[in-house]
C-alpha atoms as a PDB file:
ATOM      1  CA  MET A   1     119.970 287.893  86.483  1.00  0.00           C
ATOM      2  CA  PRO A   2     120.404 291.661  87.045  1.00  0.00           C
ATOM      3  CA  LEU A   3     118.111 294.402  85.761  1.00  0.00           C
ATOM      4  CA  PRO A   4     116.929 293.171  82.349  1.00  0.00           C
ATOM      5  CA  GLU A   5     118.815 294.669  79.418  1.00  0.00           C
ATOM      6  CA  ASN A   6     117.313 297.647  77.617  1.00  0.00           C
ATOM      7  CA  ASN A   7     114.947 298.341  80.535  1.00  0.00           C
ATOM      8  CA  LEU A   8     114.880 302.016  81.460  1.00  0.00           C
ATOM      9  CA  LEU A   9     113.468 301.354  84.943  1.00  0.00           C
ATOM     10  CA  PHE A  10     110.834 304.071  84.513  1.00  0.00           C
ATOM     11  CA  GLY A  11     113.506 306.509  83.346  1.00  0.00           C
ATOM     12  CA  PHE A  12     115.942 305.900  86.213  1.00  0.00           C
ATOM     13  CA  GLU A  13     118.317 303.441  84.532  1.00  0.00           C
ATOM     14  CA  PRO A  14     120.466 306.027  82.675  1.00  0.00           C
ATOM     15  CA  LYS A  15     120.820 308.058  85.898  1.00  0.00           C
ATOM     16  CA  LEU A  16     121.790 305.259  88.291  1.00  0.00           C
ATOM     17  CA  THR A  17     124.979 305.706  90.283  1.00  0.00           C
ATOM     18  CA  ASN A  18     127.258 302.701  90.707  1.00  0.00           C
ATOM     19  CA  GLU A  19     125.805 302.209  94.190  1.00  0.00           C
ATOM     20  CA  GLN A  20     122.241 302.353  92.926  1.00  0.00           C
ATOM     21  CA  ARG A  21     123.062 299.971  90.076  1.00  0.00           C
ATOM     22  CA  ALA A  22     124.434 297.445  92.578  1.00  0.00           C
ATOM     23  CA  TYR A  23     121.238 297.828  94.626  1.00  0.00           C
ATOM     24  CA  VAL A  24     118.906 297.341  91.669  1.00  0.00           C
ATOM     25  CA  ASP A  25     120.909 294.400  90.312  1.00  0.00           C
ATOM     26  CA  SER A  26     120.859 292.748  93.732  1.00  0.00           C
ATOM     27  CA  ILE A  27     117.072 292.966  93.898  1.00  0.00           C
ATOM     28  CA  PHE A  28     116.857 290.968  90.661  1.00  0.00           C
ATOM     29  CA  ASP A  29     119.789 288.656  91.473  1.00  0.00           C
ATOM     30  CA  ASN A  30     119.021 287.709  95.077  1.00  0.00           C
ATOM     31  CA  GLN A  31     116.042 286.648  97.135  1.00  0.00           C
ATOM     32  CA  ILE A  32     116.815 289.163  99.890  1.00  0.00           C
ATOM     33  CA  THR A  33     118.558 292.525  99.594  1.00  0.00           C
ATOM     34  CA  PHE A  34     119.469 294.721 102.542  1.00  0.00           C
ATOM     35  CA  VAL A  35     120.106 298.394 101.839  1.00  0.00           C
ATOM     36  CA  ASN A  36     121.618 300.643 104.505  1.00  0.00           C
ATOM     37  CA  ALA A  37     121.034 304.098 103.103  1.00  0.00           C
ATOM     38  CA  ARG A  38     120.606 307.645 104.253  1.00  0.00           C
ATOM     39  CA  SER A  39     117.602 309.807 103.392  1.00  0.00           C
ATOM     40  CA  GLY A  40     117.128 310.991  99.820  1.00  0.00           C
ATOM     41  CA  THR A  41     119.173 308.225  98.207  1.00  0.00           C
ATOM     42  CA  GLY A  42     116.249 306.756  96.256  1.00  0.00           C
ATOM     43  CA  LYS A  43     116.142 303.523  98.232  1.00  0.00           C
ATOM     44  CA  THR A  44     112.340 303.234  98.450  1.00  0.00           C
ATOM     45  CA  THR A  45     111.652 304.586  94.957  1.00  0.00           C
ATOM     46  CA  LEU A  46     114.030 302.099  93.335  1.00  0.00           C
ATOM     47  CA  ALA A  47     112.622 299.237  95.407  1.00  0.00           C
ATOM     48  CA  VAL A  48     109.058 300.034  94.324  1.00  0.00           C
ATOM     49  CA  ALA A  49     110.166 300.458  90.694  1.00  0.00           C
ATOM     50  CA  CYS A  50     111.832 297.029  90.769  1.00  0.00           C
ATOM     51  CA  ALA A  51     108.773 295.489  92.423  1.00  0.00           C
ATOM     52  CA  LYS A  52     106.610 296.818  89.607  1.00  0.00           C
ATOM     53  CA  LEU A  53     108.931 295.244  87.022  1.00  0.00           C
ATOM     54  CA  ILE A  54     109.066 291.929  88.884  1.00  0.00           C
ATOM     55  CA  GLY A  55     105.301 291.835  88.447  1.00  0.00           C
ATOM     56  CA  LYS A  56     104.252 290.067  91.641  1.00  0.00           C
ATOM     57  CA  PRO A  57     101.915 291.561  94.249  1.00  0.00           C
ATOM     58  CA  LEU A  58     103.794 293.951  96.526  1.00  0.00           C
ATOM     59  CA  ILE A  59     103.514 293.833 100.299  1.00  0.00           C
ATOM     60  CA  TYR A  60     104.782 297.101 101.766  1.00  0.00           C
ATOM     61  CA  THR A  61     105.257 296.977 105.511  1.00  0.00           C
ATOM     62  CA  PHE A  62     106.669 299.233 108.206  1.00  0.00           C
ATOM     63  CA  SER A  63     106.969 299.519 111.960  1.00  0.00           C
ATOM     64  CA  PRO A  64     104.707 302.187 113.495  1.00  0.00           C
ATOM     65  CA  VAL A  65     107.020 303.440 116.219  1.00  0.00           C
ATOM     66  CA  GLU A  66     104.042 305.252 117.748  1.00  0.00           C
ATOM     67  CA  GLU A  67     102.043 302.023 117.776  1.00  0.00           C
ATOM     68  CA  GLY A  68     101.103 302.468 121.428  1.00  0.00           C
ATOM     69  CA  SER A  69      99.392 305.784 120.710  1.00  0.00           C
ATOM     70  CA  LEU A  70      97.708 304.727 117.464  1.00  0.00           C
ATOM     71  CA  GLY A  71      94.891 303.100 119.370  1.00  0.00           C
ATOM     72  CA  PHE A  72      93.912 306.455 120.819  1.00  0.00           C
ATOM     73  CA  THR A  73      93.690 308.240 117.471  1.00  0.00           C
ATOM     74  CA  PRO A  74      90.348 308.347 115.649  1.00  0.00           C
ATOM     75  CA  GLY A  75      89.585 306.374 112.516  1.00  0.00           C
ATOM     76  CA  THR A  76      90.008 302.871 111.152  1.00  0.00           C
ATOM     77  CA  VAL A  77      93.276 300.958 111.295  1.00  0.00           C
ATOM     78  CA  GLU A  78      93.911 301.947 107.679  1.00  0.00           C
ATOM     79  CA  GLU A  79      93.367 305.621 108.474  1.00  0.00           C
ATOM     80  CA  LYS A  80      95.642 305.435 111.511  1.00  0.00           C
ATOM     81  CA  GLU A  81      98.437 303.791 109.549  1.00  0.00           C
ATOM     82  CA  SER A  82      98.110 305.884 106.400  1.00  0.00           C
ATOM     83  CA  LYS A  83     100.662 308.444 107.583  1.00  0.00           C
ATOM     84  CA  TYR A  84     103.310 305.727 107.227  1.00  0.00           C
ATOM     85  CA  PHE A  85     102.412 305.241 103.548  1.00  0.00           C
ATOM     86  CA  GLN A  86     103.997 308.502 102.390  1.00  0.00           C
ATOM     87  CA  PRO A  87     107.348 307.025 101.228  1.00  0.00           C
ATOM     88  CA  LEU A  88     105.383 304.467  99.203  1.00  0.00           C
ATOM     89  CA  ILE A  89     103.097 307.138  97.766  1.00  0.00           C
ATOM     90  CA  ASP A  90     106.075 309.312  96.802  1.00  0.00           C
ATOM     91  CA  ALA A  91     107.741 306.336  95.105  1.00  0.00           C
ATOM     92  CA  LEU A  92     104.607 305.524  93.120  1.00  0.00           C
ATOM     93  CA  VAL A  93     104.344 309.108  91.902  1.00  0.00           C
ATOM     94  CA  GLU A  94     107.987 308.940  90.772  1.00  0.00           C
ATOM     95  CA  ILE A  95     107.254 305.901  88.577  1.00  0.00           C
ATOM     96  CA  ARG A  96     104.038 307.519  87.308  1.00  0.00           C
ATOM     97  CA  GLU A  97     101.658 305.188  89.156  1.00  0.00           C
ATOM     98  CA  ASP A  98      98.508 306.639  90.718  1.00  0.00           C
ATOM     99  CA  PRO A  99      98.576 305.607  94.421  1.00  0.00           C
ATOM    100  CA  ARG A 100      94.767 305.712  94.566  1.00  0.00           C
ATOM    101  CA  PHE A 101      94.563 302.793  92.165  1.00  0.00           C
ATOM    102  CA  ALA A 102      97.792 300.955  93.041  1.00  0.00           C
ATOM    103  CA  ILE A 103      97.273 300.528  96.810  1.00  0.00           C
ATOM    104  CA  LYS A 104      94.470 298.299  98.029  1.00  0.00           C
ATOM    105  CA  SER A 105      92.012 300.114 100.271  1.00  0.00           C
ATOM    106  CA  GLU A 106      89.237 299.000 102.575  1.00  0.00           C
ATOM    107  CA  LYS A 107      87.373 302.152 101.569  1.00  0.00           C
ATOM    108  CA  ASN A 108      87.293 301.073  97.934  1.00  0.00           C
ATOM    109  CA  PRO A 109      87.281 297.245  97.931  1.00  0.00           C
ATOM    110  CA  GLU A 110      86.301 297.138  94.257  1.00  0.00           C
ATOM    111  CA  ILE A 111      89.789 298.437  93.404  1.00  0.00           C
ATOM    112  CA  ILE A 112      91.310 295.226  94.776  1.00  0.00           C
ATOM    113  CA  ASN A 113      89.957 293.383  91.759  1.00  0.00           C
ATOM    114  CA  ASN A 114      90.667 296.213  89.356  1.00  0.00           C
ATOM    115  CA  GLY A 115      94.431 296.491  89.119  1.00  0.00           C
ATOM    116  CA  ALA A 116      95.562 297.369  92.650  1.00  0.00           C
ATOM    117  CA  TRP A 117      98.792 295.452  93.284  1.00  0.00           C
ATOM    118  CA  ILE A 118     100.018 296.732  96.647  1.00  0.00           C
ATOM    119  CA  THR A 119      99.036 295.798 100.187  1.00  0.00           C
ATOM    120  CA  ALA A 120     100.352 298.374 102.677  1.00  0.00           C
ATOM    121  CA  LYS A 121     100.122 297.423 106.348  1.00  0.00           C
ATOM    122  CA  SER A 122     102.203 297.552 109.510  1.00  0.00           C
ATOM    123  CA  HIS A 123     104.172 294.454 110.425  1.00  0.00           C
ATOM    124  CA  THR A 124     101.584 293.712 113.114  1.00  0.00           C
ATOM    125  CA  PHE A 125      99.092 292.671 110.425  1.00  0.00           C
ATOM    126  CA  VAL A 126     101.572 291.069 108.006  1.00  0.00           C
ATOM    127  CA  ARG A 127     103.664 288.823 110.208  1.00  0.00           C
ATOM    128  CA  GLY A 128     100.906 286.283 110.882  1.00  0.00           C
ATOM    129  CA  THR A 129     100.446 285.398 107.218  1.00  0.00           C
ATOM    130  CA  ASN A 130     102.216 283.145 104.746  1.00  0.00           C
ATOM    131  CA  ILE A 131     104.121 285.442 102.406  1.00  0.00           C
ATOM    132  CA  LYS A 132     104.105 283.640  99.041  1.00  0.00           C
ATOM    133  CA  ASP A 133     104.561 284.687  95.395  1.00  0.00           C
ATOM    134  CA  SER A 134     105.096 288.338  96.305  1.00  0.00           C
ATOM    135  CA  THR A 135     107.653 291.069  96.663  1.00  0.00           C
ATOM    136  CA  LEU A 136     108.038 292.188 100.276  1.00  0.00           C
ATOM    137  CA  ILE A 137     109.422 295.639 101.071  1.00  0.00           C
ATOM    138  CA  ILE A 138     110.255 296.204 104.740  1.00  0.00           C
ATOM    139  CA  ASP A 139     110.689 299.970 104.975  1.00  0.00           C
ATOM    140  CA  GLU A 140     112.325 301.907 107.823  1.00  0.00           C
ATOM    141  CA  SER A 141     113.472 298.528 109.108  1.00  0.00           C
ATOM    142  CA  GLN A 142     115.890 300.139 111.551  1.00  0.00           C
ATOM    143  CA  ASN A 143     112.761 300.651 113.668  1.00  0.00           C
ATOM    144  CA  PHE A 144     112.026 296.910 113.847  1.00  0.00           C
ATOM    145  CA  THR A 145     113.291 294.977 116.831  1.00  0.00           C
ATOM    146  CA  ARG A 146     115.097 291.689 116.295  1.00  0.00           C
ATOM    147  CA  GLY A 147     111.985 289.801 117.337  1.00  0.00           C
ATOM    148  CA  GLU A 148     109.734 291.755 114.975  1.00  0.00           C
ATOM    149  CA  LEU A 149     112.014 291.138 112.000  1.00  0.00           C
ATOM    150  CA  LYS A 150     112.276 287.471 112.928  1.00  0.00           C
ATOM    151  CA  LYS A 151     108.493 287.054 113.094  1.00  0.00           C
ATOM    152  CA  LEU A 152     108.202 288.664 109.670  1.00  0.00           C
ATOM    153  CA  LEU A 153     111.093 287.010 107.833  1.00  0.00           C
ATOM    154  CA  THR A 154     110.184 283.522 109.047  1.00  0.00           C
ATOM    155  CA  ARG A 155     106.876 283.858 107.140  1.00  0.00           C
ATOM    156  CA  VAL A 156     108.639 284.289 103.773  1.00  0.00           C
ATOM    157  CA  HIS A 157     108.508 281.483 101.180  1.00  0.00           C
ATOM    158  CA  ASN A 158     111.097 280.895  98.450  1.00  0.00           C
ATOM    159  CA  SER A 159     108.725 282.393  95.866  1.00  0.00           C
ATOM    160  CA  THR A 160     108.989 285.860  97.471  1.00  0.00           C
ATOM    161  CA  LYS A 161     111.665 288.513  97.023  1.00  0.00           C
ATOM    162  CA  VAL A 162     112.497 290.650 100.061  1.00  0.00           C
ATOM    163  CA  ILE A 163     113.923 294.182 100.153  1.00  0.00           C
ATOM    164  CA  VAL A 164     114.931 295.345 103.639  1.00  0.00           C
ATOM    165  CA  ILE A 165     115.329 299.136 103.682  1.00  0.00           C
ATOM    166  CA  GLY A 166     116.833 301.043 106.575  1.00  0.00           C
ATOM    167  CA  HIS A 167     119.442 303.436 107.898  1.00  0.00           C
ATOM    168  CA  ASP A 168     121.397 302.547 111.004  1.00  0.00           C
ATOM    169  CA  LYS A 169     121.827 306.240 111.893  1.00  0.00           C
ATOM    170  CA  GLN A 170     118.086 307.033 111.999  1.00  0.00           C
ATOM    171  CA  ILE A 171     116.727 304.633 114.616  1.00  0.00           C
ATOM    172  CA  ASP A 172     113.578 305.986 116.299  1.00  0.00           C
ATOM    173  CA  LEU A 173     113.196 303.260 118.920  1.00  0.00           C
ATOM    174  CA  LYS A 174     113.405 304.418 122.537  1.00  0.00           C
ATOM    175  CA  ASN A 175     116.262 301.973 122.951  1.00  0.00           C
ATOM    176  CA  PRO A 176     118.247 301.937 119.675  1.00  0.00           C
ATOM    177  CA  ALA A 177     120.153 298.853 120.836  1.00  0.00           C
ATOM    178  CA  LYS A 178     116.967 296.828 120.285  1.00  0.00           C
ATOM    179  CA  SER A 179     116.982 297.469 116.521  1.00  0.00           C
ATOM    180  CA  GLY A 180     117.274 294.261 114.514  1.00  0.00           C
ATOM    181  CA  PHE A 181     118.397 295.918 111.285  1.00  0.00           C
ATOM    182  CA  VAL A 182     122.185 295.642 111.591  1.00  0.00           C
ATOM    183  CA  PRO A 183     122.071 292.294 113.440  1.00  0.00           C
ATOM    184  CA  TYR A 184     120.054 290.807 110.566  1.00  0.00           C
ATOM    185  CA  ILE A 185     122.424 292.249 107.949  1.00  0.00           C
ATOM    186  CA  GLU A 186     125.224 290.475 109.795  1.00  0.00           C
ATOM    187  CA  HIS A 187     123.150 287.312 110.270  1.00  0.00           C
ATOM    188  CA  PHE A 188     122.523 286.918 106.512  1.00  0.00           C
ATOM    189  CA  GLU A 189     126.074 287.837 105.466  1.00  0.00           C
ATOM    190  CA  GLY A 190     127.567 285.149 103.260  1.00  0.00           C
ATOM    191  CA  GLN A 191     124.285 283.470 102.349  1.00  0.00           C
ATOM    192  CA  PRO A 192     124.173 282.771  98.580  1.00  0.00           C
ATOM    193  CA  TYR A 193     120.699 284.320  98.179  1.00  0.00           C
ATOM    194  CA  SER A 194     121.455 287.504 100.137  1.00  0.00           C
ATOM    195  CA  LYS A 195     123.338 290.751  99.586  1.00  0.00           C
ATOM    196  CA  SER A 196     123.813 293.950 101.575  1.00  0.00           C
ATOM    197  CA  VAL A 197     124.432 297.270  99.820  1.00  0.00           C
ATOM    198  CA  ALA A 198     124.841 300.893 100.873  1.00  0.00           C
ATOM    199  CA  LEU A 199     123.686 304.150  99.291  1.00  0.00           C
ATOM    200  CA  THR A 200     125.503 307.298 100.370  1.00  0.00           C
ATOM    201  CA  VAL A 201     124.478 310.154  98.041  1.00  0.00           C
ATOM    202  CA  ASN A 202     121.519 312.276  99.147  1.00  0.00           C
ATOM    203  CA  PHE A 203     119.961 313.620  95.944  1.00  0.00           C
ATOM    204  CA  ARG A 204     117.792 316.160  97.774  1.00  0.00           C
ATOM    205  CA  GLY A 205     120.743 318.524  97.867  1.00  0.00           C
ATOM    206  CA  ALA A 206     123.547 319.909 100.023  1.00  0.00           C
ATOM    207  CA  LEU A 207     121.302 321.028 102.886  1.00  0.00           C
ATOM    208  CA  ALA A 208     119.700 317.619 103.369  1.00  0.00           C
ATOM    209  CA  GLN A 209     123.045 315.864 102.937  1.00  0.00           C
ATOM    210  CA  HIS A 210     124.688 318.047 105.596  1.00  0.00           C
ATOM    211  CA  ALA A 211     121.774 317.628 108.011  1.00  0.00           C
ATOM    212  CA  ASP A 212     122.058 313.855 107.665  1.00  0.00           C
ATOM    213  CA  ASN A 213     125.733 313.984 108.640  1.00  0.00           C
ATOM    214  CA  LEU A 214     124.936 315.044 112.220  1.00  0.00           C
ATOM    215  CA  ASN A 215     125.868 312.210 114.587  1.00  0.00           C
ATOM    216  CA  TRP A 216     123.631 311.966 117.668  1.00  0.00           C
ATOM    217  CA  GLU A 217     125.965 309.588 119.448  1.00  0.00           C
END
């Protein structure tokens, strides 16, 4: 079923474009949704809002493209990876959730048993687990290689919803041809539990929209 009737989606429902409505409905209708969307389109915010409504624990994962240099930076693994949490933090603020109490933290383990519902980690630490009874958001997935996405998606059980967020024009890998984002969109095309959508309107404004139109190729 699509977004439940009479649900305001934390105030976003009346403002949804047709593209965003298709995205939100797909999250509720399908086990896996791919969204190919430029910056500022609300792709992460809407995914987190839907995850909150679904009510299962959220696993938020990403690919640290600077993974090789992370080992040389000071701090714990959580501190090194925290800079990749910002899209998640911004989304939580938009739905009026306090990130300090929503995201599990090794610094404050007591929060884990006191309402925290999100585990945020790089794919390196997620892909070796069984992903059951959860919502999985794979953010900036254009920066995952085919092998990395395969190792992650093959851990997913039928009880988990998956939202694969990316933009095929913002690949940060040294060799963009290694990105698994578009190949996996094509691989899942036609499956009855899968849908791919696109978001094209950058709500940050004309400047951001125009900047995003620059083609590096």
